[in-house]
Amino acid sequence: MSSIQINVTDRDGARTEGVEWKDYETLMECLTRNKFPILATCGGNASCSTCHSYLDQETFVKTGGTNEEEEDLLEMLDDTRHDNSRLACQVEWSESLDGAEIEIAPEW
């Protein structure tokens, strides 16, 4: 089993460095396992947007951006959507994401 370290900023602006992300997890699973306030209402099926997060630009590019299903959900988040928005349930682990900066988006 491999893991990487990421940095996460929660909705209150508190930054946690060195959060372990295991290779069998999506970003959503990593965040929930580490007790960050992600509802993950749909269980990772890209149907609720409660795991909406912002990725630093370099990380966003490394993930390949959004897929069509994810894009459809993000389009509904006019007030909180940014160019670097992703649904954490759709972000797969990659060793290249080591050191990523993740910010949990505000609840809608």
PDB file of N, CA and C in Angstrom:
ATOM      1  N   MET A   1       0.841  -1.176   0.000  1.00  0.00           N
ATOM      2  CA  MET A   1       0.000   0.000   0.000  1.00  0.00           C
ATOM      3  C   MET A   1       0.889   1.244   0.000  1.00  0.00           C
ATOM      4  N   SER A   2       0.536   2.191  -0.833  1.00  0.00           N
ATOM      5  CA  SER A   2       1.260   3.455  -0.919  1.00  0.00           C
ATOM      6  C   SER A   2       0.374   4.579  -0.422  1.00  0.00           C
ATOM      7  N   SER A   3       0.992   5.673  -0.057  1.00  0.00           N
ATOM      8  CA  SER A   3       0.228   6.853   0.328  1.00  0.00           C
ATOM      9  C   SER A   3       1.031   8.099  -0.012  1.00  0.00           C
ATOM     10  N   ILE A   4       0.319   9.214  -0.065  1.00  0.00           N
ATOM     11  CA  ILE A   4       0.935  10.518  -0.273  1.00  0.00           C
ATOM     12  C   ILE A   4       0.432  11.443   0.822  1.00  0.00           C
ATOM     13  N   GLN A   5       1.026  12.607   0.902  1.00  0.00           N
ATOM     14  CA  GLN A   5       0.622  13.613   1.876  1.00  0.00           C
ATOM     15  C   GLN A   5       0.023  14.801   1.127  1.00  0.00           C
ATOM     16  N   ILE A   6      -1.129  15.278   1.607  1.00  0.00           N
ATOM     17  CA  ILE A   6      -1.756  16.464   1.035  1.00  0.00           C
ATOM     18  C   ILE A   6      -2.026  17.456   2.155  1.00  0.00           C
ATOM     19  N   ASN A   7      -2.354  18.673   1.784  1.00  0.00           N
ATOM     20  CA  ASN A   7      -2.684  19.724   2.739  1.00  0.00           C
ATOM     21  C   ASN A   7      -4.129  20.131   2.498  1.00  0.00           C
ATOM     22  N   VAL A   8      -4.900  20.226   3.576  1.00  0.00           N
ATOM     23  CA  VAL A   8      -6.333  20.469   3.456  1.00  0.00           C
ATOM     24  C   VAL A   8      -6.723  21.683   4.290  1.00  0.00           C
ATOM     25  N   THR A   9      -7.480  22.588   3.675  1.00  0.00           N
ATOM     26  CA  THR A   9      -8.046  23.731   4.378  1.00  0.00           C
ATOM     27  C   THR A   9      -9.541  23.495   4.498  1.00  0.00           C
ATOM     28  N   ASP A  10     -10.051  23.550   5.734  1.00  0.00           N
ATOM     29  CA  ASP A  10     -11.478  23.291   5.940  1.00  0.00           C
ATOM     30  C   ASP A  10     -12.294  24.562   5.729  1.00  0.00           C
ATOM     31  N   ARG A  11     -13.600  24.465   5.912  1.00  0.00           N
ATOM     32  CA  ARG A  11     -14.501  25.592   5.662  1.00  0.00           C
ATOM     33  C   ARG A  11     -14.271  26.767   6.606  1.00  0.00           C
ATOM     34  N   ASP A  12     -13.638  26.520   7.741  1.00  0.00           N
ATOM     35  CA  ASP A  12     -13.342  27.589   8.695  1.00  0.00           C
ATOM     36  C   ASP A  12     -11.985  28.230   8.435  1.00  0.00           C
ATOM     37  N   GLY A  13     -11.281  27.756   7.418  1.00  0.00           N
ATOM     38  CA  GLY A  13      -9.979  28.309   7.084  1.00  0.00           C
ATOM     39  C   GLY A  13      -8.813  27.656   7.805  1.00  0.00           C
ATOM     40  N   ALA A  14      -9.092  26.621   8.596  1.00  0.00           N
ATOM     41  CA  ALA A  14      -8.017  25.907   9.300  1.00  0.00           C
ATOM     42  C   ALA A  14      -7.305  24.974   8.320  1.00  0.00           C
ATOM     43  N   ARG A  15      -5.982  25.104   8.250  1.00  0.00           N
ATOM     44  CA  ARG A  15      -5.183  24.303   7.317  1.00  0.00           C
ATOM     45  C   ARG A  15      -4.507  23.168   8.072  1.00  0.00           C
ATOM     46  N   THR A  16      -4.641  21.959   7.540  1.00  0.00           N
ATOM     47  CA  THR A  16      -3.992  20.780   8.107  1.00  0.00           C
ATOM     48  C   THR A  16      -2.979  20.273   7.098  1.00  0.00           C
ATOM     49  N   GLU A  17      -1.727  20.227   7.504  1.00  0.00           N
ATOM     50  CA  GLU A  17      -0.664  19.748   6.625  1.00  0.00           C
ATOM     51  C   GLU A  17      -0.413  18.262   6.854  1.00  0.00           C
ATOM     52  N   GLY A  18       0.066  17.596   5.823  1.00  0.00           N
ATOM     53  CA  GLY A  18       0.482  16.205   5.951  1.00  0.00           C
ATOM     54  C   GLY A  18      -0.639  15.208   6.157  1.00  0.00           C
ATOM     55  N   VAL A  19      -1.794  15.462   5.541  1.00  0.00           N
ATOM     56  CA  VAL A  19      -2.911  14.520   5.619  1.00  0.00           C
ATOM     57  C   VAL A  19      -2.579  13.321   4.733  1.00  0.00           C
ATOM     58  N   GLU A  20      -2.662  12.121   5.295  1.00  0.00           N
ATOM     59  CA  GLU A  20      -2.328  10.919   4.531  1.00  0.00           C
ATOM     60  C   GLU A  20      -3.475  10.528   3.609  1.00  0.00           C
ATOM     61  N   TRP A  21      -3.147  10.337   2.326  1.00  0.00           N
ATOM     62  CA  TRP A  21      -4.104   9.889   1.319  1.00  0.00           C
ATOM     63  C   TRP A  21      -3.597   8.549   0.808  1.00  0.00           C
ATOM     64  N   LYS A  22      -4.375   7.505   1.072  1.00  0.00           N
ATOM     65  CA  LYS A  22      -3.974   6.140   0.718  1.00  0.00           C
ATOM     66  C   LYS A  22      -4.351   5.819  -0.725  1.00  0.00           C
ATOM     67  N   ASP A  23      -3.561   4.960  -1.345  1.00  0.00           N
ATOM     68  CA  ASP A  23      -3.685   4.704  -2.778  1.00  0.00           C
ATOM     69  C   ASP A  23      -4.975   4.028  -3.214  1.00  0.00           C
ATOM     70  N   TYR A  24      -5.738   3.488  -2.319  1.00  0.00           N
ATOM     71  CA  TYR A  24      -6.992   2.835  -2.695  1.00  0.00           C
ATOM     72  C   TYR A  24      -8.200   3.757  -2.498  1.00  0.00           C
ATOM     73  N   GLU A  25      -7.965   4.994  -2.117  1.00  0.00           N
ATOM     74  CA  GLU A  25      -9.048   5.927  -1.801  1.00  0.00           C
ATOM     75  C   GLU A  25      -9.227   6.981  -2.892  1.00  0.00           C
ATOM     76  N   THR A  26     -10.470   7.469  -3.006  1.00  0.00           N
ATOM     77  CA  THR A  26     -10.697   8.716  -3.726  1.00  0.00           C
ATOM     78  C   THR A  26     -10.386   9.844  -2.750  1.00  0.00           C
ATOM     79  N   LEU A  27     -10.329  11.056  -3.245  1.00  0.00           N
ATOM     80  CA  LEU A  27     -10.097  12.192  -2.359  1.00  0.00           C
ATOM     81  C   LEU A  27     -11.214  12.293  -1.324  1.00  0.00           C
ATOM     82  N   MET A  28     -12.448  12.040  -1.712  1.00  0.00           N
ATOM     83  CA  MET A  28     -13.569  12.077  -0.775  1.00  0.00           C
ATOM     84  C   MET A  28     -13.372  11.082   0.360  1.00  0.00           C
ATOM     85  N   GLU A  29     -12.959   9.876   0.037  1.00  0.00           N
ATOM     86  CA  GLU A  29     -12.735   8.856   1.066  1.00  0.00           C
ATOM     87  C   GLU A  29     -11.608   9.265   2.009  1.00  0.00           C
ATOM     88  N   CYS A  30     -10.580   9.876   1.456  1.00  0.00           N
ATOM     89  CA  CYS A  30      -9.480  10.377   2.283  1.00  0.00           C
ATOM     90  C   CYS A  30      -9.986  11.448   3.247  1.00  0.00           C
ATOM     91  N   LEU A  31     -10.765  12.390   2.732  1.00  0.00           N
ATOM     92  CA  LEU A  31     -11.262  13.483   3.573  1.00  0.00           C
ATOM     93  C   LEU A  31     -12.194  12.977   4.667  1.00  0.00           C
ATOM     94  N   THR A  32     -13.075  12.057   4.336  1.00  0.00           N
ATOM     95  CA  THR A  32     -13.989  11.546   5.366  1.00  0.00           C
ATOM     96  C   THR A  32     -13.244  10.696   6.391  1.00  0.00           C
ATOM     97  N   ARG A  33     -12.293   9.885   5.950  1.00  0.00           N
ATOM     98  CA  ARG A  33     -11.514   9.075   6.895  1.00  0.00           C
ATOM     99  C   ARG A  33     -10.740   9.954   7.864  1.00  0.00           C
ATOM    100  N   ASN A  34     -10.294  11.102   7.395  1.00  0.00           N
ATOM    101  CA  ASN A  34      -9.540  12.028   8.232  1.00  0.00           C
ATOM    102  C   ASN A  34     -10.437  13.036   8.954  1.00  0.00           C
ATOM    103  N   LYS A  35     -11.727  12.761   8.986  1.00  0.00           N
ATOM    104  CA  LYS A  35     -12.707  13.528   9.774  1.00  0.00           C
ATOM    105  C   LYS A  35     -12.909  14.972   9.320  1.00  0.00           C
ATOM    106  N   PHE A  36     -12.696  15.240   8.032  1.00  0.00           N
ATOM    107  CA  PHE A  36     -13.030  16.559   7.514  1.00  0.00           C
ATOM    108  C   PHE A  36     -14.534  16.603   7.252  1.00  0.00           C
ATOM    109  N   PRO A  37     -15.154  17.791   7.330  1.00  0.00           N
ATOM    110  CA  PRO A  37     -16.611  17.909   7.246  1.00  0.00           C
ATOM    111  C   PRO A  37     -17.162  17.782   5.823  1.00  0.00           C
ATOM    112  N   ILE A  38     -17.038  16.604   5.269  1.00  0.00           N
ATOM    113  CA  ILE A  38     -17.592  16.297   3.951  1.00  0.00           C
ATOM    114  C   ILE A  38     -18.797  15.389   4.180  1.00  0.00           C
ATOM    115  N   LEU A  39     -19.970  15.814   3.723  1.00  0.00           N
ATOM    116  CA  LEU A  39     -21.163  14.991   3.933  1.00  0.00           C
ATOM    117  C   LEU A  39     -21.142  13.710   3.108  1.00  0.00           C
ATOM    118  N   ALA A  40     -20.715  13.812   1.864  1.00  0.00           N
ATOM    119  CA  ALA A  40     -20.670  12.639   0.977  1.00  0.00           C
ATOM    120  C   ALA A  40     -22.008  11.905   0.969  1.00  0.00           C
ATOM    121  N   THR A  41     -23.064  12.671   0.829  1.00  0.00           N
ATOM    122  CA  THR A  41     -24.424  12.146   0.908  1.00  0.00           C
ATOM    123  C   THR A  41     -24.684  10.998  -0.058  1.00  0.00           C
ATOM    124  N   CYS A  42     -24.148  11.074  -1.262  1.00  0.00           N
ATOM    125  CA  CYS A  42     -24.420  10.033  -2.264  1.00  0.00           C
ATOM    126  C   CYS A  42     -23.434   8.875  -2.192  1.00  0.00           C
ATOM    127  N   GLY A  43     -22.492   8.943  -1.266  1.00  0.00           N
ATOM    128  CA  GLY A  43     -21.534   7.855  -1.114  1.00  0.00           C
ATOM    129  C   GLY A  43     -20.488   7.776  -2.207  1.00  0.00           C
ATOM    130  N   GLY A  44     -20.289   8.850  -2.927  1.00  0.00           N
ATOM    131  CA  GLY A  44     -19.246   8.868  -3.951  1.00  0.00           C
ATOM    132  C   GLY A  44     -19.723   8.578  -5.354  1.00  0.00           C
ATOM    133  N   ASN A  45     -21.018   8.742  -5.598  1.00  0.00           N
ATOM    134  CA  ASN A  45     -21.584   8.439  -6.909  1.00  0.00           C
ATOM    135  C   ASN A  45     -21.750   9.651  -7.814  1.00  0.00           C
ATOM    136  N   ALA A  46     -21.166  10.778  -7.432  1.00  0.00           N
ATOM    137  CA  ALA A  46     -21.242  12.014  -8.226  1.00  0.00           C
ATOM    138  C   ALA A  46     -22.680  12.429  -8.502  1.00  0.00           C
ATOM    139  N   SER A  47     -23.509  12.372  -7.461  1.00  0.00           N
ATOM    140  CA  SER A  47     -24.901  12.765  -7.665  1.00  0.00           C
ATOM    141  C   SER A  47     -25.410  13.779  -6.648  1.00  0.00           C
ATOM    142  N   CYS A  48     -24.518  14.331  -5.790  1.00  0.00           N
ATOM    143  CA  CYS A  48     -25.031  15.270  -4.780  1.00  0.00           C
ATOM    144  C   CYS A  48     -24.208  16.549  -4.625  1.00  0.00           C
ATOM    145  N   SER A  49     -22.970  16.557  -4.939  1.00  0.00           N
ATOM    146  CA  SER A  49     -22.032  17.686  -4.838  1.00  0.00           C
ATOM    147  C   SER A  49     -21.695  18.108  -3.409  1.00  0.00           C
ATOM    148  N   THR A  50     -21.978  17.272  -2.409  1.00  0.00           N
ATOM    149  CA  THR A  50     -21.641  17.627  -1.026  1.00  0.00           C
ATOM    150  C   THR A  50     -20.162  17.429  -0.716  1.00  0.00           C
ATOM    151  N   CYS A  51     -19.388  16.960  -1.672  1.00  0.00           N
ATOM    152  CA  CYS A  51     -17.936  16.828  -1.496  1.00  0.00           C
ATOM    153  C   CYS A  51     -17.188  17.839  -2.364  1.00  0.00           C
ATOM    154  N   HIS A  52     -17.879  18.895  -2.763  1.00  0.00           N
ATOM    155  CA  HIS A  52     -17.282  19.935  -3.605  1.00  0.00           C
ATOM    156  C   HIS A  52     -16.042  20.505  -2.931  1.00  0.00           C
ATOM    157  N   SER A  53     -14.950  20.543  -3.672  1.00  0.00           N
ATOM    158  CA  SER A  53     -13.673  21.036  -3.151  1.00  0.00           C
ATOM    159  C   SER A  53     -12.953  21.826  -4.229  1.00  0.00           C
ATOM    160  N   TYR A  54     -11.994  22.635  -3.782  1.00  0.00           N
ATOM    161  CA  TYR A  54     -11.130  23.381  -4.688  1.00  0.00           C
ATOM    162  C   TYR A  54      -9.736  22.770  -4.635  1.00  0.00           C
ATOM    163  N   LEU A  55      -9.137  22.593  -5.780  1.00  0.00           N
ATOM    164  CA  LEU A  55      -7.780  22.064  -5.879  1.00  0.00           C
ATOM    165  C   LEU A  55      -6.865  23.180  -6.355  1.00  0.00           C
ATOM    166  N   ASP A  56      -5.630  23.203  -5.866  1.00  0.00           N
ATOM    167  CA  ASP A  56      -4.697  24.183  -6.414  1.00  0.00           C
ATOM    168  C   ASP A  56      -4.574  23.907  -7.911  1.00  0.00           C
ATOM    169  N   GLN A  57      -4.218  24.926  -8.674  1.00  0.00           N
ATOM    170  CA  GLN A  57      -4.248  24.825 -10.133  1.00  0.00           C
ATOM    171  C   GLN A  57      -3.392  23.686 -10.671  1.00  0.00           C
ATOM    172  N   GLU A  58      -2.209  23.505 -10.120  1.00  0.00           N
ATOM    173  CA  GLU A  58      -1.325  22.426 -10.586  1.00  0.00           C
ATOM    174  C   GLU A  58      -1.971  21.059 -10.363  1.00  0.00           C
ATOM    175  N   THR A  59      -2.579  20.880  -9.206  1.00  0.00           N
ATOM    176  CA  THR A  59      -3.253  19.615  -8.900  1.00  0.00           C
ATOM    177  C   THR A  59      -4.448  19.413  -9.811  1.00  0.00           C
ATOM    178  N   PHE A  60      -5.223  20.480 -10.033  1.00  0.00           N
ATOM    179  CA  PHE A  60      -6.382  20.390 -10.916  1.00  0.00           C
ATOM    180  C   PHE A  60      -5.958  19.874 -12.288  1.00  0.00           C
ATOM    181  N   VAL A  61      -4.896  20.430 -12.825  1.00  0.00           N
ATOM    182  CA  VAL A  61      -4.401  20.003 -14.141  1.00  0.00           C
ATOM    183  C   VAL A  61      -3.964  18.542 -14.097  1.00  0.00           C
ATOM    184  N   LYS A  62      -3.269  18.150 -13.045  1.00  0.00           N
ATOM    185  CA  LYS A  62      -2.794  16.765 -12.929  1.00  0.00           C
ATOM    186  C   LYS A  62      -3.939  15.761 -12.870  1.00  0.00           C
ATOM    187  N   THR A  63      -5.097  16.166 -12.355  1.00  0.00           N
ATOM    188  CA  THR A  63      -6.233  15.244 -12.261  1.00  0.00           C
ATOM    189  C   THR A  63      -6.948  15.067 -13.593  1.00  0.00           C
ATOM    190  N   GLY A  64      -6.621  15.895 -14.563  1.00  0.00           N
ATOM    191  CA  GLY A  64      -7.268  15.786 -15.863  1.00  0.00           C
ATOM    192  C   GLY A  64      -8.558  16.567 -15.966  1.00  0.00           C
ATOM    193  N   GLY A  65      -8.917  17.304 -14.928  1.00  0.00           N
ATOM    194  CA  GLY A  65     -10.139  18.102 -14.964  1.00  0.00           C
ATOM    195  C   GLY A  65     -11.387  17.266 -14.741  1.00  0.00           C
ATOM    196  N   THR A  66     -12.509  17.883 -14.989  1.00  0.00           N
ATOM    197  CA  THR A  66     -13.800  17.254 -14.698  1.00  0.00           C
ATOM    198  C   THR A  66     -14.272  16.366 -15.848  1.00  0.00           C
ATOM    199  N   ASN A  67     -15.089  15.368 -15.496  1.00  0.00           N
ATOM    200  CA  ASN A  67     -15.748  14.560 -16.523  1.00  0.00           C
ATOM    201  C   ASN A  67     -17.148  15.137 -16.755  1.00  0.00           C
ATOM    202  N   GLU A  68     -17.869  14.636 -17.716  1.00  0.00           N
ATOM    203  CA  GLU A  68     -19.168  15.203 -18.091  1.00  0.00           C
ATOM    204  C   GLU A  68     -20.180  15.144 -16.950  1.00  0.00           C
ATOM    205  N   GLU A  69     -20.256  14.021 -16.273  1.00  0.00           N
ATOM    206  CA  GLU A  69     -21.196  13.856 -15.160  1.00  0.00           C
ATOM    207  C   GLU A  69     -20.883  14.851 -14.041  1.00  0.00           C
ATOM    208  N   GLU A  70     -19.625  14.977 -13.726  1.00  0.00           N
ATOM    209  CA  GLU A  70     -19.191  15.911 -12.688  1.00  0.00           C
ATOM    210  C   GLU A  70     -19.479  17.350 -13.114  1.00  0.00           C
ATOM    211  N   GLU A  71     -19.201  17.662 -14.351  1.00  0.00           N
ATOM    212  CA  GLU A  71     -19.434  19.005 -14.885  1.00  0.00           C
ATOM    213  C   GLU A  71     -20.906  19.395 -14.768  1.00  0.00           C
ATOM    214  N   ASP A  72     -21.805  18.457 -15.042  1.00  0.00           N
ATOM    215  CA  ASP A  72     -23.240  18.728 -14.929  1.00  0.00           C
ATOM    216  C   ASP A  72     -23.618  19.149 -13.515  1.00  0.00           C
ATOM    217  N   LEU A  73     -23.071  18.477 -12.517  1.00  0.00           N
ATOM    218  CA  LEU A  73     -23.360  18.835 -11.123  1.00  0.00           C
ATOM    219  C   LEU A  73     -22.729  20.168 -10.747  1.00  0.00           C
ATOM    220  N   LEU A  74     -21.505  20.375 -11.143  1.00  0.00           N
ATOM    221  CA  LEU A  74     -20.816  21.616 -10.792  1.00  0.00           C
ATOM    222  C   LEU A  74     -21.481  22.838 -11.416  1.00  0.00           C
ATOM    223  N   GLU A  75     -22.109  22.677 -12.570  1.00  0.00           N
ATOM    224  CA  GLU A  75     -22.805  23.793 -13.212  1.00  0.00           C
ATOM    225  C   GLU A  75     -23.932  24.337 -12.346  1.00  0.00           C
ATOM    226  N   MET A  76     -24.463  23.532 -11.452  1.00  0.00           N
ATOM    227  CA  MET A  76     -25.546  23.965 -10.564  1.00  0.00           C
ATOM    228  C   MET A  76     -25.039  24.778  -9.374  1.00  0.00           C
ATOM    229  N   LEU A  77     -23.741  24.849  -9.191  1.00  0.00           N
ATOM    230  CA  LEU A  77     -23.155  25.517  -8.033  1.00  0.00           C
ATOM    231  C   LEU A  77     -22.635  26.900  -8.407  1.00  0.00           C
ATOM    232  N   ASP A  78     -23.489  27.726  -8.969  1.00  0.00           N
ATOM    233  CA  ASP A  78     -23.082  29.038  -9.464  1.00  0.00           C
ATOM    234  C   ASP A  78     -22.333  29.875  -8.438  1.00  0.00           C
ATOM    235  N   ASP A  79     -22.831  29.926  -7.207  1.00  0.00           N
ATOM    236  CA  ASP A  79     -22.265  30.815  -6.191  1.00  0.00           C
ATOM    237  C   ASP A  79     -20.920  30.348  -5.657  1.00  0.00           C
ATOM    238  N   THR A  80     -20.667  29.053  -5.658  1.00  0.00           N
ATOM    239  CA  THR A  80     -19.446  28.538  -5.037  1.00  0.00           C
ATOM    240  C   THR A  80     -18.487  27.875  -6.021  1.00  0.00           C
ATOM    241  N   ARG A  81     -18.876  27.769  -7.257  1.00  0.00           N
ATOM    242  CA  ARG A  81     -18.011  27.113  -8.240  1.00  0.00           C
ATOM    243  C   ARG A  81     -16.853  28.013  -8.650  1.00  0.00           C
ATOM    244  N   HIS A  82     -15.672  27.427  -8.743  1.00  0.00           N
ATOM    245  CA  HIS A  82     -14.477  28.112  -9.236  1.00  0.00           C
ATOM    246  C   HIS A  82     -13.925  27.321 -10.415  1.00  0.00           C
ATOM    247  N   ASP A  83     -12.968  27.899 -11.102  1.00  0.00           N
ATOM    248  CA  ASP A  83     -12.340  27.203 -12.233  1.00  0.00           C
ATOM    249  C   ASP A  83     -11.632  25.924 -11.804  1.00  0.00           C
ATOM    250  N   ASN A  84     -11.249  25.851 -10.536  1.00  0.00           N
ATOM    251  CA  ASN A  84     -10.523  24.688 -10.015  1.00  0.00           C
ATOM    252  C   ASN A  84     -11.403  23.789  -9.149  1.00  0.00           C
ATOM    253  N   SER A  85     -12.720  23.868  -9.329  1.00  0.00           N
ATOM    254  CA  SER A  85     -13.659  23.040  -8.566  1.00  0.00           C
ATOM    255  C   SER A  85     -13.637  21.596  -9.041  1.00  0.00           C
ATOM    256  N   ARG A  86     -13.710  20.692  -8.089  1.00  0.00           N
ATOM    257  CA  ARG A  86     -13.860  19.262  -8.372  1.00  0.00           C
ATOM    258  C   ARG A  86     -14.765  18.662  -7.309  1.00  0.00           C
ATOM    259  N   LEU A  87     -15.414  17.567  -7.660  1.00  0.00           N
ATOM    260  CA  LEU A  87     -16.092  16.745  -6.666  1.00  0.00           C
ATOM    261  C   LEU A  87     -15.040  15.777  -6.150  1.00  0.00           C
ATOM    262  N   ALA A  88     -14.811  15.790  -4.854  1.00  0.00           N
ATOM    263  CA  ALA A  88     -13.744  14.967  -4.278  1.00  0.00           C
ATOM    264  C   ALA A  88     -13.951  13.483  -4.568  1.00  0.00           C
ATOM    265  N   CYS A  89     -15.194  13.063  -4.746  1.00  0.00           N
ATOM    266  CA  CYS A  89     -15.461  11.651  -5.029  1.00  0.00           C
ATOM    267  C   CYS A  89     -14.976  11.233  -6.410  1.00  0.00           C
ATOM    268  N   GLN A  90     -14.687  12.201  -7.264  1.00  0.00           N
ATOM    269  CA  GLN A  90     -14.251  11.896  -8.626  1.00  0.00           C
ATOM    270  C   GLN A  90     -12.740  12.046  -8.812  1.00  0.00           C
ATOM    271  N   VAL A  91     -12.044  12.415  -7.737  1.00  0.00           N
ATOM    272  CA  VAL A  91     -10.594  12.600  -7.815  1.00  0.00           C
ATOM    273  C   VAL A  91      -9.914  11.332  -7.320  1.00  0.00           C
ATOM    274  N   GLU A  92      -9.280  10.629  -8.232  1.00  0.00           N
ATOM    275  CA  GLU A  92      -8.589   9.381  -7.923  1.00  0.00           C
ATOM    276  C   GLU A  92      -7.177   9.663  -7.417  1.00  0.00           C
ATOM    277  N   TRP A  93      -6.699   8.793  -6.545  1.00  0.00           N
ATOM    278  CA  TRP A  93      -5.340   8.889  -6.014  1.00  0.00           C
ATOM    279  C   TRP A  93      -4.321   8.767  -7.136  1.00  0.00           C
ATOM    280  N   SER A  94      -3.281   9.545  -7.032  1.00  0.00           N
ATOM    281  CA  SER A  94      -2.136   9.426  -7.930  1.00  0.00           C
ATOM    282  C   SER A  94      -0.913   9.906  -7.170  1.00  0.00           C
ATOM    283  N   GLU A  95       0.175   9.217  -7.339  1.00  0.00           N
ATOM    284  CA  GLU A  95       1.414   9.620  -6.672  1.00  0.00           C
ATOM    285  C   GLU A  95       1.809  11.047  -7.052  1.00  0.00           C
ATOM    286  N   SER A  96       1.408  11.477  -8.245  1.00  0.00           N
ATOM    287  CA  SER A  96       1.743  12.824  -8.713  1.00  0.00           C
ATOM    288  C   SER A  96       1.016  13.919  -7.932  1.00  0.00           C
ATOM    289  N   LEU A  97       0.027  13.544  -7.123  1.00  0.00           N
ATOM    290  CA  LEU A  97      -0.731  14.532  -6.351  1.00  0.00           C
ATOM    291  C   LEU A  97      -0.130  14.788  -4.974  1.00  0.00           C
ATOM    292  N   ASP A  98       1.010  14.189  -4.693  1.00  0.00           N
ATOM    293  CA  ASP A  98       1.683  14.412  -3.413  1.00  0.00           C
ATOM    294  C   ASP A  98       1.920  15.908  -3.219  1.00  0.00           C
ATOM    295  N   GLY A  99       1.556  16.425  -2.050  1.00  0.00           N
ATOM    296  CA  GLY A  99       1.720  17.841  -1.742  1.00  0.00           C
ATOM    297  C   GLY A  99       0.580  18.719  -2.213  1.00  0.00           C
ATOM    298  N   ALA A 100      -0.477  18.125  -2.742  1.00  0.00           N
ATOM    299  CA  ALA A 100      -1.617  18.893  -3.243  1.00  0.00           C
ATOM    300  C   ALA A 100      -2.219  19.772  -2.150  1.00  0.00           C
ATOM    301  N   GLU A 101      -2.747  20.910  -2.584  1.00  0.00           N
ATOM    302  CA  GLU A 101      -3.470  21.824  -1.698  1.00  0.00           C
ATOM    303  C   GLU A 101      -4.953  21.694  -2.022  1.00  0.00           C
ATOM    304  N   ILE A 102      -5.721  21.286  -1.031  1.00  0.00           N
ATOM    305  CA  ILE A 102      -7.153  21.069  -1.192  1.00  0.00           C
ATOM    306  C   ILE A 102      -7.889  22.012  -0.250  1.00  0.00           C
ATOM    307  N   GLU A 103      -8.938  22.645  -0.740  1.00  0.00           N
ATOM    308  CA  GLU A 103      -9.790  23.477   0.111  1.00  0.00           C
ATOM    309  C   GLU A 103     -11.218  22.964  -0.009  1.00  0.00           C
ATOM    310  N   ILE A 104     -11.841  22.702   1.119  1.00  0.00           N
ATOM    311  CA  ILE A 104     -13.225  22.237   1.110  1.00  0.00           C
ATOM    312  C   ILE A 104     -14.120  23.441   0.832  1.00  0.00           C
ATOM    313  N   ALA A 105     -14.942  23.331  -0.199  1.00  0.00           N
ATOM    314  CA  ALA A 105     -15.802  24.443  -0.612  1.00  0.00           C
ATOM    315  C   ALA A 105     -16.904  24.693   0.421  1.00  0.00           C
ATOM    316  N   PRO A 106     -17.426  25.922   0.451  1.00  0.00           N
ATOM    317  CA  PRO A 106     -18.531  26.218   1.373  1.00  0.00           C
ATOM    318  C   PRO A 106     -19.743  25.347   1.065  1.00  0.00           C
ATOM    319  N   GLU A 107     -20.520  25.076   2.098  1.00  0.00           N
ATOM    320  CA  GLU A 107     -21.772  24.353   1.873  1.00  0.00           C
ATOM    321  C   GLU A 107     -22.713  25.272   1.121  1.00  0.00           C
ATOM    322  N   TRP A 108     -23.514  24.713   0.276  1.00  0.00           N
ATOM    323  CA  TRP A 108     -24.454  25.517  -0.478  1.00  0.00           C
ATOM    324  C   TRP A 108     -25.723  25.566   0.285  1.00  0.00           C
TER     325      TRP A 108
END
